[in-house]
């Protein structure tokens, strides 16, 4: 079910559609949308001009979304919402300025966006193979990144489609991966899905010292616990980048390791 972003129903329609889908048995919700409060600034201190709402409106949306996630936890704890981090180059986890990605719940997984770097001399698994999409929101609340740019399909085989970019395009890549993981092991819980995605992730960006996120720190840093408790692992402290194949391999492996 697709809810038109510019429909009169707005956020209420998205939440209502999500409730209907969950009650019909859906376990994965792809939310490629989000809102910034008027007054939000980006990492450079400049005002964000993307998808703005007033403080009064944001308070109402926050209450509605809080009730939705409380309902999910109570009635459908196996459902996972996968949400785009946003495209304001701002902090995704500030609950007074960004919704819904700022909610802290195991049933919400937040996706940032990366793109191909200019480095042509490094393999795909190298941290500098990709770079943060300049507009992608960031910070500790972002769980993982995925490719932010896609090329549209065309009816003519000889025609190249237009390129579209944003975290809204990155999010379905993660949602599709999670769907495949759950088809392999339907018993995976939302917390376990997040763990497997981050354990399997490639990395992006420079070394991190676990200080508050800077412009290059796209996601929550990879922890030693996500690398077999190895403090000296080169991935520790870096941001997490989606690795579809390895995520599926870990989903298969999870069948042999009941928790």
Protein backbone atom coordinates (compact mmCIF):
# COMPACT_ATOMS: atom_id res chain seq x y z
CA UNK A 1 0.00 0.00 0.00
CA UNK A 2 1.39 3.39 -0.99
CA UNK A 3 0.18 6.62 0.64
CA UNK A 4 0.77 9.67 -1.53
CA UNK A 5 3.08 12.02 0.42
CA UNK A 6 1.11 15.08 -0.66
CA UNK A 7 -2.33 13.62 0.06
CA UNK A 8 -4.77 15.50 2.26
CA UNK A 9 -4.52 12.76 4.88
CA UNK A 10 -0.85 13.47 5.56
CA UNK A 11 0.77 11.84 8.59
CA UNK A 12 -2.53 10.56 9.96
CA UNK A 13 -3.15 8.69 6.69
CA UNK A 14 0.33 7.13 6.81
CA UNK A 15 -0.18 5.92 10.35
CA UNK A 16 -3.70 4.66 9.61
CA UNK A 17 -2.45 2.77 6.56
CA UNK A 18 0.36 1.30 8.66
CA UNK A 19 -2.11 0.10 11.31
CA UNK A 20 -4.21 -1.60 8.63
CA UNK A 21 -1.17 -3.29 7.12
CA UNK A 22 0.08 -4.55 10.48
CA UNK A 23 -3.35 -5.91 11.37
CA UNK A 24 -3.31 -7.74 8.03
CA UNK A 25 -0.06 -9.47 8.99
CA UNK A 26 2.67 -7.20 7.61
CA UNK A 27 5.93 -7.36 9.59
CA UNK A 28 7.99 -4.75 7.73
CA UNK A 29 6.91 -1.16 7.14
CA UNK A 30 8.96 1.05 4.81
CA UNK A 31 8.55 4.66 5.90
CA UNK A 32 10.38 6.77 3.33
CA UNK A 33 9.22 10.03 4.90
CA UNK A 34 9.86 12.37 7.80
CA UNK A 35 9.47 15.93 9.03
CA UNK A 36 11.69 18.71 10.37
CA UNK A 37 10.52 21.31 12.84
CA UNK A 38 10.80 24.95 11.80
CA UNK A 39 14.11 26.15 13.22
CA UNK A 40 16.07 22.97 12.56
CA UNK A 41 19.68 23.67 11.58
CA UNK A 42 22.10 21.43 9.73
CA UNK A 43 25.57 20.34 10.82
CA UNK A 44 26.97 23.65 9.56
CA UNK A 45 24.46 25.70 11.53
CA UNK A 46 22.40 26.66 8.48
CA UNK A 47 18.57 26.50 8.54
CA UNK A 48 17.02 23.34 7.08
CA UNK A 49 14.42 24.08 4.40
CA UNK A 50 13.17 20.52 3.79
CA UNK A 51 9.72 19.28 4.90
CA UNK A 52 9.16 21.85 7.65
CA UNK A 53 6.29 21.93 10.14
CA UNK A 54 5.43 24.24 13.04
CA UNK A 55 6.17 23.36 16.64
CA UNK A 56 2.46 22.90 17.36
CA UNK A 57 2.08 20.51 14.42
CA UNK A 58 5.17 18.56 15.46
CA UNK A 59 3.80 18.13 18.99
CA UNK A 60 0.62 16.60 17.57
CA UNK A 61 2.53 14.31 15.24
CA UNK A 62 4.82 13.23 18.06
CA UNK A 63 1.84 12.23 20.22
CA UNK A 64 0.28 10.28 17.35
CA UNK A 65 3.51 8.46 16.54
CA UNK A 66 4.19 7.70 20.18
CA UNK A 67 0.79 6.05 20.49
CA UNK A 68 1.49 4.05 17.32
CA UNK A 69 4.80 2.69 18.60
CA UNK A 70 3.33 1.91 22.02
CA UNK A 71 0.60 -0.04 20.24
CA UNK A 72 3.20 -1.89 18.18
CA UNK A 73 5.16 -2.84 21.28
CA UNK A 74 2.05 -4.05 23.05
CA UNK A 75 0.22 -5.85 20.23
CA UNK A 76 2.79 -6.54 17.50
CA UNK A 77 6.33 -6.75 18.95
CA UNK A 78 7.61 -8.58 15.85
CA UNK A 79 6.92 -5.65 13.48
CA UNK A 80 9.84 -3.49 12.32
CA UNK A 81 9.48 0.02 10.89
CA UNK A 82 12.32 1.04 8.57
CA UNK A 83 12.52 4.84 8.28
CA UNK A 84 14.55 7.22 6.16
CA UNK A 85 16.86 9.47 8.18
CA UNK A 86 16.00 12.55 6.11
CA UNK A 87 17.79 14.90 3.74
CA UNK A 88 18.49 18.04 5.74
CA UNK A 89 22.12 17.29 6.65
CA UNK A 90 20.85 17.56 10.23
CA UNK A 91 20.80 15.46 13.39
CA UNK A 92 18.30 12.67 12.91
CA UNK A 93 17.95 11.86 16.60
CA UNK A 94 16.79 15.22 17.98
CA UNK A 95 13.21 14.54 19.02
CA UNK A 96 12.40 18.25 19.21
CA UNK A 97 13.38 18.77 15.56
CA UNK A 98 12.96 15.53 13.59
CA UNK A 99 10.19 12.91 13.36
CA UNK A 100 9.79 9.96 13.26
CA UNK A 101 13.47 8.96 13.11
CA UNK A 102 14.20 10.41 16.56
CA UNK A 103 12.04 7.83 18.36
CA UNK A 104 14.10 5.41 20.44
CA UNK A 105 12.53 1.97 20.09
CA UNK A 106 13.76 -1.43 18.98
CA UNK A 107 10.96 -1.44 16.39
CA UNK A 108 12.32 1.55 14.44
CA UNK A 109 15.40 1.17 12.25
CA UNK A 110 16.77 4.38 10.70
CA UNK A 111 18.57 4.48 7.34
CA UNK A 112 21.01 7.11 6.13
CA UNK A 113 22.32 7.57 2.60
CA UNK A 114 25.75 7.15 1.03
CA UNK A 115 27.06 7.47 -2.51
CA UNK A 116 30.08 6.31 -4.48
CA UNK A 117 33.25 8.18 -3.61
CA UNK A 118 35.79 9.40 -6.13
CA UNK A 119 38.28 6.76 -5.02
CA UNK A 120 38.69 4.34 -7.92
CA UNK A 121 41.62 2.47 -6.38
CA UNK A 122 39.86 0.78 -3.46
CA UNK A 123 37.66 -2.35 -3.29
CA UNK A 124 33.98 -2.18 -2.39
CA UNK A 125 34.60 -3.25 1.21
CA UNK A 126 37.05 -0.38 1.83
CA UNK A 127 35.67 2.39 4.10
CA UNK A 128 36.48 5.03 1.47
CA UNK A 129 34.73 3.22 -1.39
CA UNK A 130 31.61 5.21 -0.47
CA UNK A 131 31.07 8.59 1.12
CA UNK A 132 28.25 10.22 3.00
CA UNK A 133 25.57 11.76 0.82
CA UNK A 134 25.97 15.44 1.68
CA UNK A 135 22.27 15.95 2.34
CA UNK A 136 21.76 12.82 4.46
CA UNK A 137 20.78 13.33 8.07
CA UNK A 138 23.13 11.69 10.52
CA UNK A 139 24.06 10.93 14.13
CA UNK A 140 23.85 8.11 16.66
CA UNK A 141 20.18 7.42 15.89
CA UNK A 142 21.00 6.31 12.34
CA UNK A 143 21.52 2.54 12.34
CA UNK A 144 22.93 1.89 8.87
CA UNK A 145 23.42 3.52 5.47
CA UNK A 146 22.49 2.33 2.00
CA UNK A 147 23.02 3.64 -1.52
CA UNK A 148 21.12 6.92 -1.84
CA UNK A 149 20.94 7.20 -5.64
CA UNK A 150 18.99 5.08 -8.10
CA UNK A 151 18.34 5.27 -11.82
CA UNK A 152 14.70 5.15 -12.88
CA UNK A 153 13.46 2.41 -15.18
CA UNK A 154 12.33 3.27 -18.71
CA UNK A 155 10.12 1.63 -21.31
CA UNK A 156 12.85 2.01 -23.93
CA UNK A 157 15.74 -0.41 -23.47
CA UNK A 158 18.13 2.06 -25.11
CA UNK A 159 17.11 4.99 -22.92
CA UNK A 160 18.74 5.71 -19.57
CA UNK A 161 16.38 6.73 -16.80
CA UNK A 162 16.81 9.81 -14.66
CA UNK A 163 18.83 9.58 -11.45
CA UNK A 164 17.00 10.17 -8.16
CA UNK A 165 18.76 10.52 -4.81
CA UNK A 166 17.85 10.69 -1.14
CA UNK A 167 17.45 8.59 1.99
CA UNK A 168 13.95 7.69 0.77
CA UNK A 169 15.64 5.64 -1.96
CA UNK A 170 18.15 4.09 0.44
CA UNK A 171 15.48 2.89 2.85
CA UNK A 172 13.78 0.33 0.54
CA UNK A 173 17.16 -1.34 -0.01
CA UNK A 174 17.31 -2.06 3.71
CA UNK A 175 13.62 -2.98 3.87
CA UNK A 176 14.08 -5.46 1.03
CA UNK A 177 17.11 -6.98 2.73
CA UNK A 178 15.18 -7.35 5.98
CA UNK A 179 12.30 -9.00 4.12
CA UNK A 180 14.72 -11.54 2.68
CA UNK A 181 16.26 -12.12 6.12
CA UNK A 182 12.84 -12.80 7.64
CA UNK A 183 11.98 -15.16 4.80
CA UNK A 184 15.06 -17.15 5.81
CA UNK A 185 14.41 -16.98 9.54
CA UNK A 186 10.89 -15.78 10.44
CA UNK A 187 11.73 -16.02 14.15
CA UNK A 188 14.15 -13.09 14.06
CA UNK A 189 13.02 -10.27 16.34
CA UNK A 190 13.49 -6.56 15.48
CA UNK A 191 16.45 -6.25 17.86
CA UNK A 192 18.11 -9.28 16.27
CA UNK A 193 17.55 -7.92 12.76
CA UNK A 194 19.31 -4.68 13.69
CA UNK A 195 22.15 -6.65 15.27
CA UNK A 196 22.65 -8.81 12.18
CA UNK A 197 22.56 -5.80 9.85
CA UNK A 198 25.26 -4.04 11.83
CA UNK A 199 27.36 -7.16 12.41
CA UNK A 200 27.35 -7.80 8.68
CA UNK A 201 27.87 -4.17 7.66
CA UNK A 202 30.76 -2.81 5.66
CA UNK A 203 32.11 0.49 6.92
CA UNK A 204 32.20 4.04 5.68
CA UNK A 205 34.21 7.10 6.58
CA UNK A 206 37.25 7.82 8.66
CA UNK A 207 38.28 6.44 12.04
CA UNK A 208 36.05 7.47 14.92
CA UNK A 209 36.90 8.11 18.55
CA UNK A 210 33.33 7.70 19.80
CA UNK A 211 32.99 11.42 20.42
CA UNK A 212 29.68 13.16 19.51
CA UNK A 213 28.92 12.72 15.82
CA UNK A 214 30.55 15.11 13.40
CA UNK A 215 29.73 15.72 9.74
CA UNK A 216 31.57 12.55 8.69
CA UNK A 217 29.98 10.30 11.32
CA UNK A 218 26.91 9.10 9.51
CA UNK A 219 25.64 6.35 11.82
CA UNK A 220 26.06 5.10 15.36
CA UNK A 221 29.65 3.80 15.50
CA UNK A 222 30.19 0.08 15.16
CA UNK A 223 30.84 -1.37 18.61
CA UNK A 224 33.29 -4.08 19.65
CA UNK A 225 30.28 -6.27 20.50
CA UNK A 226 29.35 -6.11 16.82
CA UNK A 227 32.80 -7.38 15.88
CA UNK A 228 33.16 -10.43 18.16
CA UNK A 229 34.22 -8.20 21.09
CA UNK A 230 37.49 -7.31 19.37
CA UNK A 231 38.59 -3.86 20.53
CA UNK A 232 41.31 -3.78 17.88
CA UNK A 233 39.03 -4.56 14.93
CA UNK A 234 39.52 -1.92 12.23
CA UNK A 235 35.76 -1.53 11.81
CA UNK A 236 35.16 -0.44 15.40
CA UNK A 237 34.19 3.23 15.62
CA UNK A 238 33.30 3.62 11.95
CA UNK A 239 29.83 4.07 10.49
CA UNK A 240 27.85 1.07 9.19
CA UNK A 241 27.16 0.50 5.46
CA UNK A 242 24.68 -2.11 4.20
CA UNK A 243 26.10 -5.42 3.00
CA UNK A 244 23.13 -7.36 1.63
CA UNK A 245 24.92 -10.63 0.96
CA UNK A 246 26.57 -10.89 4.35
CA UNK A 247 23.32 -9.94 6.10
CA UNK A 248 21.60 -12.85 4.38
CA UNK A 249 24.48 -15.16 5.29
CA UNK A 250 24.09 -14.21 8.94
CA UNK A 251 20.34 -14.80 8.70
CA UNK A 252 21.08 -18.34 7.49
CA UNK A 253 23.62 -18.79 10.26
CA UNK A 254 21.06 -17.61 12.83
CA UNK A 255 18.99 -20.71 12.12
CA UNK A 256 21.73 -22.74 13.79
CA UNK A 257 22.10 -20.49 16.82
CA UNK A 258 18.86 -20.19 18.74
CA UNK A 259 19.13 -17.47 21.38
